[in-house]
PDB file of all heavy atoms in Angstrom:
ATOM      1  N   ARG A   1     -26.627  10.297  -6.686  1.00  0.00           N
ATOM      2  CA  ARG A   1     -25.847  10.173  -5.460  1.00  0.00           C
ATOM      3  C   ARG A   1     -25.930   8.768  -4.891  1.00  0.00           C
ATOM      4  O   ARG A   1     -24.968   8.206  -4.414  1.00  0.00           O
ATOM      5  CB  ARG A   1     -26.334  11.190  -4.409  1.00  0.00           C
ATOM      6  CG  ARG A   1     -25.778  12.584  -4.609  1.00  0.00           C
ATOM      7  CD  ARG A   1     -25.797  13.359  -3.302  1.00  0.00           C
ATOM      8  NE  ARG A   1     -27.111  13.463  -2.723  1.00  0.00           N
ATOM      9  CZ  ARG A   1     -27.977  14.446  -2.969  1.00  0.00           C
ATOM     10  NH1 ARG A   1     -27.651  15.400  -3.828  1.00  0.00           N
ATOM     11  NH2 ARG A   1     -29.156  14.472  -2.388  1.00  0.00           N
ATOM     12  N   LYS A   2     -27.148   8.177  -4.933  1.00  0.00           N
ATOM     13  CA  LYS A   2     -27.341   6.822  -4.429  1.00  0.00           C
ATOM     14  C   LYS A   2     -26.525   5.821  -5.228  1.00  0.00           C
ATOM     15  O   LYS A   2     -25.918   4.911  -4.683  1.00  0.00           O
ATOM     16  CB  LYS A   2     -28.826   6.447  -4.472  1.00  0.00           C
ATOM     17  CG  LYS A   2     -29.622   7.028  -3.317  1.00  0.00           C
ATOM     18  CD  LYS A   2     -31.053   6.552  -3.363  1.00  0.00           C
ATOM     19  CE  LYS A   2     -31.833   7.075  -2.161  1.00  0.00           C
ATOM     20  NZ  LYS A   2     -33.246   6.644  -2.205  1.00  0.00           N
ATOM     21  N   LYS A   3     -26.527   5.996  -6.582  1.00  0.00           N
ATOM     22  CA  LYS A   3     -25.754   5.098  -7.433  1.00  0.00           C
ATOM     23  C   LYS A   3     -24.273   5.200  -7.104  1.00  0.00           C
ATOM     24  O   LYS A   3     -23.564   4.206  -7.004  1.00  0.00           O
ATOM     25  CB  LYS A   3     -25.988   5.424  -8.909  1.00  0.00           C
ATOM     26  CG  LYS A   3     -27.338   4.940  -9.437  1.00  0.00           C
ATOM     27  CD  LYS A   3     -27.490   5.271 -10.900  1.00  0.00           C
ATOM     28  CE  LYS A   3     -28.849   4.799 -11.430  1.00  0.00           C
ATOM     29  NZ  LYS A   3     -29.025   5.158 -12.845  1.00  0.00           N
ATOM     30  N   LYS A   4     -23.804   6.460  -6.919  1.00  0.00           N
ATOM     31  CA  LYS A   4     -22.401   6.673  -6.590  1.00  0.00           C
ATOM     32  C   LYS A   4     -22.078   6.064  -5.229  1.00  0.00           C
ATOM     33  O   LYS A   4     -21.047   5.434  -5.041  1.00  0.00           O
ATOM     34  CB  LYS A   4     -22.098   8.177  -6.571  1.00  0.00           C
ATOM     35  CG  LYS A   4     -20.615   8.505  -6.365  1.00  0.00           C
ATOM     36  CD  LYS A   4     -20.379   9.998  -6.430  1.00  0.00           C
ATOM     37  CE  LYS A   4     -18.900  10.323  -6.356  1.00  0.00           C
ATOM     38  NZ  LYS A   4     -18.267   9.898  -5.123  1.00  0.00           N
ATOM     39  N   LYS A   5     -23.015   6.239  -4.282  1.00  0.00           N
ATOM     40  CA  LYS A   5     -22.814   5.700  -2.931  1.00  0.00           C
ATOM     41  C   LYS A   5     -22.728   4.179  -2.966  1.00  0.00           C
ATOM     42  O   LYS A   5     -21.890   3.573  -2.318  1.00  0.00           O
ATOM     43  CB  LYS A   5     -23.969   6.157  -2.030  1.00  0.00           C
ATOM     44  CG  LYS A   5     -23.638   6.085  -0.546  1.00  0.00           C
ATOM     45  CD  LYS A   5     -24.718   6.762   0.267  1.00  0.00           C
ATOM     46  CE  LYS A   5     -24.348   6.765   1.748  1.00  0.00           C
ATOM     47  NZ  LYS A   5     -25.389   7.378   2.573  1.00  0.00           N
ATOM     48  N   GLN A   6     -23.622   3.549  -3.752  1.00  0.00           N
ATOM     49  CA  GLN A   6     -23.589   2.094  -3.874  1.00  0.00           C
ATOM     50  C   GLN A   6     -22.290   1.636  -4.524  1.00  0.00           C
ATOM     51  O   GLN A   6     -21.713   0.630  -4.143  1.00  0.00           O
ATOM     52  CB  GLN A   6     -24.794   1.604  -4.694  1.00  0.00           C
ATOM     53  CG  GLN A   6     -26.122   1.690  -3.972  1.00  0.00           C
ATOM     54  CD  GLN A   6     -26.262   0.643  -2.892  1.00  0.00           C
ATOM     55  OE1 GLN A   6     -25.402  -0.211  -2.736  1.00  0.00           O
ATOM     56  NE2 GLN A   6     -27.340   0.707  -2.140  1.00  0.00           N
ATOM     57  N   LYS A   7     -21.847   2.422  -5.528  1.00  0.00           N
ATOM     58  CA  LYS A   7     -20.612   2.075  -6.242  1.00  0.00           C
ATOM     59  C   LYS A   7     -19.417   2.165  -5.295  1.00  0.00           C
ATOM     60  O   LYS A   7     -18.489   1.352  -5.353  1.00  0.00           O
ATOM     61  CB  LYS A   7     -20.423   3.019  -7.435  1.00  0.00           C
ATOM     62  CG  LYS A   7     -19.249   2.655  -8.328  1.00  0.00           C
ATOM     63  CD  LYS A   7     -19.145   3.616  -9.483  1.00  0.00           C
ATOM     64  CE  LYS A   7     -17.951   3.281 -10.369  1.00  0.00           C
ATOM     65  NZ  LYS A   7     -17.813   4.233 -11.492  1.00  0.00           N
ATOM     66  N   ASP A   8     -19.421   3.186  -4.415  1.00  0.00           N
ATOM     67  CA  ASP A   8     -18.315   3.398  -3.488  1.00  0.00           C
ATOM     68  C   ASP A   8     -18.492   2.617  -2.188  1.00  0.00           C
ATOM     69  O   ASP A   8     -17.704   2.764  -1.269  1.00  0.00           O
ATOM     70  CB  ASP A   8     -18.195   4.895  -3.150  1.00  0.00           C
ATOM     71  CG  ASP A   8     -17.875   5.727  -4.395  1.00  0.00           C
ATOM     72  OD1 ASP A   8     -17.347   5.149  -5.353  1.00  0.00           O
ATOM     73  OD2 ASP A   8     -18.168   6.929  -4.388  1.00  0.00           O
ATOM     74  N   TYR A   9     -19.526   1.807  -2.117  1.00  0.00           N
ATOM     75  CA  TYR A   9     -19.878   1.100  -0.887  1.00  0.00           C
ATOM     76  C   TYR A   9     -18.784   0.133  -0.465  1.00  0.00           C
ATOM     77  O   TYR A   9     -18.491  -0.824  -1.158  1.00  0.00           O
ATOM     78  CB  TYR A   9     -21.209   0.372  -1.126  1.00  0.00           C
ATOM     79  CG  TYR A   9     -21.621  -0.646  -0.086  1.00  0.00           C
ATOM     80  CD1 TYR A   9     -21.575  -0.360   1.261  1.00  0.00           C
ATOM     81  CD2 TYR A   9     -22.104  -1.895  -0.475  1.00  0.00           C
ATOM     82  CE1 TYR A   9     -21.975  -1.292   2.212  1.00  0.00           C
ATOM     83  CE2 TYR A   9     -22.522  -2.832   0.459  1.00  0.00           C
ATOM     84  CZ  TYR A   9     -22.447  -2.525   1.804  1.00  0.00           C
ATOM     85  OH  TYR A   9     -22.857  -3.440   2.741  1.00  0.00           O
ATOM     86  N   GLN A  10     -18.168   0.431   0.665  1.00  0.00           N
ATOM     87  CA  GLN A  10     -17.121  -0.426   1.210  1.00  0.00           C
ATOM     88  C   GLN A  10     -17.533  -0.868   2.618  1.00  0.00           C
ATOM     89  O   GLN A  10     -17.476  -0.073   3.561  1.00  0.00           O
ATOM     90  CB  GLN A  10     -15.792   0.333   1.277  1.00  0.00           C
ATOM     91  CG  GLN A  10     -15.166   0.632  -0.077  1.00  0.00           C
ATOM     92  CD  GLN A  10     -14.666  -0.619  -0.767  1.00  0.00           C
ATOM     93  OE1 GLN A  10     -14.290  -1.586  -0.117  1.00  0.00           O
ATOM     94  NE2 GLN A  10     -14.637  -0.609  -2.081  1.00  0.00           N
ATOM     95  N   PRO A  11     -17.975  -2.112   2.791  1.00  0.00           N
ATOM     96  CA  PRO A  11     -18.382  -2.572   4.113  1.00  0.00           C
ATOM     97  C   PRO A  11     -17.235  -2.461   5.121  1.00  0.00           C
ATOM     98  O   PRO A  11     -16.084  -2.733   4.789  1.00  0.00           O
ATOM     99  CB  PRO A  11     -18.759  -4.040   3.885  1.00  0.00           C
ATOM    100  CG  PRO A  11     -19.065  -4.134   2.423  1.00  0.00           C
ATOM    101  CD  PRO A  11     -18.133  -3.167   1.769  1.00  0.00           C
ATOM    102  N   ASN A  12     -17.549  -2.039   6.328  1.00  0.00           N
ATOM    103  CA  ASN A  12     -16.538  -1.957   7.388  1.00  0.00           C
ATOM    104  C   ASN A  12     -17.030  -2.566   8.707  1.00  0.00           C
ATOM    105  O   ASN A  12     -16.292  -2.603   9.685  1.00  0.00           O
ATOM    106  CB  ASN A  12     -16.077  -0.514   7.597  1.00  0.00           C
ATOM    107  CG  ASN A  12     -17.213   0.399   8.021  1.00  0.00           C
ATOM    108  OD1 ASN A  12     -18.387   0.071   7.845  1.00  0.00           O
ATOM    109  ND2 ASN A  12     -16.883   1.554   8.564  1.00  0.00           N
ATOM    110  N   TYR A  13     -18.283  -3.021   8.713  1.00  0.00           N
ATOM    111  CA  TYR A  13     -18.849  -3.721   9.864  1.00  0.00           C
ATOM    112  C   TYR A  13     -19.584  -4.963   9.363  1.00  0.00           C
ATOM    113  O   TYR A  13     -19.913  -5.049   8.176  1.00  0.00           O
ATOM    114  CB  TYR A  13     -19.833  -2.831  10.644  1.00  0.00           C
ATOM    115  CG  TYR A  13     -19.175  -1.900  11.631  1.00  0.00           C
ATOM    116  CD1 TYR A  13     -18.554  -0.724  11.198  1.00  0.00           C
ATOM    117  CD2 TYR A  13     -19.172  -2.182  12.994  1.00  0.00           C
ATOM    118  CE1 TYR A  13     -17.941   0.138  12.106  1.00  0.00           C
ATOM    119  CE2 TYR A  13     -18.560  -1.322  13.910  1.00  0.00           C
ATOM    120  CZ  TYR A  13     -17.959  -0.174  13.458  1.00  0.00           C
ATOM    121  OH  TYR A  13     -17.350   0.663  14.355  1.00  0.00           O
ATOM    122  N   PHE A  14     -19.824  -5.908  10.268  1.00  0.00           N
ATOM    123  CA  PHE A  14     -20.554  -7.105   9.849  1.00  0.00           C
ATOM    124  C   PHE A  14     -21.239  -7.754  11.048  1.00  0.00           C
ATOM    125  O   PHE A  14     -20.838  -7.547  12.205  1.00  0.00           O
ATOM    126  CB  PHE A  14     -19.611  -8.110   9.162  1.00  0.00           C
ATOM    127  CG  PHE A  14     -18.503  -8.633  10.037  1.00  0.00           C
ATOM    128  CD1 PHE A  14     -18.597  -9.884  10.650  1.00  0.00           C
ATOM    129  CD2 PHE A  14     -17.339  -7.898  10.239  1.00  0.00           C
ATOM    130  CE1 PHE A  14     -17.572 -10.378  11.443  1.00  0.00           C
ATOM    131  CE2 PHE A  14     -16.307  -8.377  11.032  1.00  0.00           C
ATOM    132  CZ  PHE A  14     -16.426  -9.626  11.630  1.00  0.00           C
ATOM    133  N   LEU A  15     -22.286  -8.509  10.757  1.00  0.00           N
ATOM    134  CA  LEU A  15     -22.930  -9.333  11.766  1.00  0.00           C
ATOM    135  C   LEU A  15     -22.342 -10.729  11.663  1.00  0.00           C
ATOM    136  O   LEU A  15     -22.226 -11.273  10.562  1.00  0.00           O
ATOM    137  CB  LEU A  15     -24.445  -9.413  11.524  1.00  0.00           C
ATOM    138  CG  LEU A  15     -25.269  -8.143  11.718  1.00  0.00           C
ATOM    139  CD1 LEU A  15     -26.757  -8.460  11.512  1.00  0.00           C
ATOM    140  CD2 LEU A  15     -25.041  -7.526  13.083  1.00  0.00           C
ATOM    141  N   SER A  16     -21.977 -11.307  12.798  1.00  0.00           N
ATOM    142  CA  SER A  16     -21.366 -12.636  12.756  1.00  0.00           C
ATOM    143  C   SER A  16     -21.991 -13.565  13.782  1.00  0.00           C
ATOM    144  O   SER A  16     -22.466 -13.126  14.835  1.00  0.00           O
ATOM    145  CB  SER A  16     -19.864 -12.542  12.991  1.00  0.00           C
ATOM    146  OG  SER A  16     -19.588 -12.336  14.369  1.00  0.00           O
ATOM    147  N   ILE A  17     -21.982 -14.836  13.437  1.00  0.00           N
ATOM    148  CA  ILE A  17     -22.357 -15.894  14.377  1.00  0.00           C
ATOM    149  C   ILE A  17     -21.046 -16.484  14.889  1.00  0.00           C
ATOM    150  O   ILE A  17     -20.311 -17.123  14.123  1.00  0.00           O
ATOM    151  CB  ILE A  17     -23.200 -16.979  13.685  1.00  0.00           C
ATOM    152  CG1 ILE A  17     -24.491 -16.379  13.118  1.00  0.00           C
ATOM    153  CG2 ILE A  17     -23.497 -18.122  14.647  1.00  0.00           C
ATOM    154  CD1 ILE A  17     -25.290 -17.346  12.255  1.00  0.00           C
ATOM    155  N   PRO A  18     -20.694 -16.266  16.151  1.00  0.00           N
ATOM    156  CA  PRO A  18     -19.416 -16.793  16.666  1.00  0.00           C
ATOM    157  C   PRO A  18     -19.431 -18.316  16.740  1.00  0.00           C
ATOM    158  O   PRO A  18     -20.443 -18.920  17.095  1.00  0.00           O
ATOM    159  CB  PRO A  18     -19.318 -16.173  18.068  1.00  0.00           C
ATOM    160  CG  PRO A  18     -20.730 -15.869  18.444  1.00  0.00           C
ATOM    161  CD  PRO A  18     -21.455 -15.528  17.181  1.00  0.00           C
ATOM    162  N   ILE A  19     -18.304 -18.913  16.373  1.00  0.00           N
ATOM    163  CA  ILE A  19     -18.156 -20.372  16.443  1.00  0.00           C
ATOM    164  C   ILE A  19     -17.303 -20.680  17.664  1.00  0.00           C
ATOM    165  O   ILE A  19     -16.113 -20.368  17.708  1.00  0.00           O
ATOM    166  CB  ILE A  19     -17.496 -20.928  15.157  1.00  0.00           C
ATOM    167  CG1 ILE A  19     -18.291 -20.489  13.919  1.00  0.00           C
ATOM    168  CG2 ILE A  19     -17.387 -22.442  15.233  1.00  0.00           C
ATOM    169  CD1 ILE A  19     -19.739 -20.928  13.889  1.00  0.00           C
ATOM    170  N   THR A  20     -17.936 -21.321  18.664  1.00  0.00           N
ATOM    171  CA  THR A  20     -17.259 -21.544  19.934  1.00  0.00           C
ATOM    172  C   THR A  20     -17.139 -23.021  20.321  1.00  0.00           C
ATOM    173  O   THR A  20     -16.464 -23.342  21.301  1.00  0.00           O
ATOM    174  CB  THR A  20     -18.011 -20.803  21.060  1.00  0.00           C
ATOM    175  OG1 THR A  20     -19.368 -21.266  21.092  1.00  0.00           O
ATOM    176  CG2 THR A  20     -18.017 -19.297  20.817  1.00  0.00           C
ATOM    177  N   ASN A  21     -17.787 -23.911  19.570  1.00  0.00           N
ATOM    178  CA  ASN A  21     -17.705 -25.345  19.867  1.00  0.00           C
ATOM    179  C   ASN A  21     -16.248 -25.792  19.747  1.00  0.00           C
ATOM    180  O   ASN A  21     -15.636 -25.681  18.679  1.00  0.00           O
ATOM    181  CB  ASN A  21     -18.587 -26.121  18.887  1.00  0.00           C
ATOM    182  CG  ASN A  21     -18.609 -27.605  19.175  1.00  0.00           C
ATOM    183  OD1 ASN A  21     -17.700 -28.168  19.785  1.00  0.00           O
ATOM    184  ND2 ASN A  21     -19.651 -28.273  18.728  1.00  0.00           N
ATOM    185  N   LYS A  22     -15.693 -26.299  20.834  1.00  0.00           N
ATOM    186  CA  LYS A  22     -14.270 -26.652  20.857  1.00  0.00           C
ATOM    187  C   LYS A  22     -13.923 -27.768  19.867  1.00  0.00           C
ATOM    188  O   LYS A  22     -12.789 -27.858  19.396  1.00  0.00           O
ATOM    189  CB  LYS A  22     -13.849 -27.040  22.276  1.00  0.00           C
ATOM    190  CG  LYS A  22     -13.899 -25.880  23.255  1.00  0.00           C
ATOM    191  CD  LYS A  22     -13.289 -26.251  24.590  1.00  0.00           C
ATOM    192  CE  LYS A  22     -13.393 -25.100  25.587  1.00  0.00           C
ATOM    193  NZ  LYS A  22     -12.709 -23.882  25.123  1.00  0.00           N
ATOM    194  N   LYS A  23     -14.894 -28.606  19.567  1.00  0.00           N
ATOM    195  CA  LYS A  23     -14.645 -29.663  18.585  1.00  0.00           C
ATOM    196  C   LYS A  23     -14.396 -29.039  17.202  1.00  0.00           C
ATOM    197  O   LYS A  23     -13.492 -29.460  16.468  1.00  0.00           O
ATOM    198  CB  LYS A  23     -15.829 -30.630  18.514  1.00  0.00           C
ATOM    199  CG  LYS A  23     -15.605 -31.774  17.531  1.00  0.00           C
ATOM    200  CD  LYS A  23     -16.795 -32.720  17.471  1.00  0.00           C
ATOM    201  CE  LYS A  23     -16.546 -33.830  16.444  1.00  0.00           C
ATOM    202  NZ  LYS A  23     -17.716 -34.737  16.320  1.00  0.00           N
ATOM    203  N   ILE A  24     -15.194 -28.021  16.859  1.00  0.00           N
ATOM    204  CA  ILE A  24     -15.029 -27.351  15.558  1.00  0.00           C
ATOM    205  C   ILE A  24     -13.732 -26.566  15.530  1.00  0.00           C
ATOM    206  O   ILE A  24     -12.926 -26.709  14.601  1.00  0.00           O
ATOM    207  CB  ILE A  24     -16.217 -26.417  15.277  1.00  0.00           C
ATOM    208  CG1 ILE A  24     -17.522 -27.204  15.180  1.00  0.00           C
ATOM    209  CG2 ILE A  24     -15.987 -25.642  13.972  1.00  0.00           C
ATOM    210  CD1 ILE A  24     -18.762 -26.343  15.012  1.00  0.00           C
TER     211      ILE A  24
END
């Protein structure tokens, strides 16, 4: 089941570092 779960693993969330520097 774990192997199948890993195989079917589709990310739908993520951790992000927002880029807010106006120069960038």
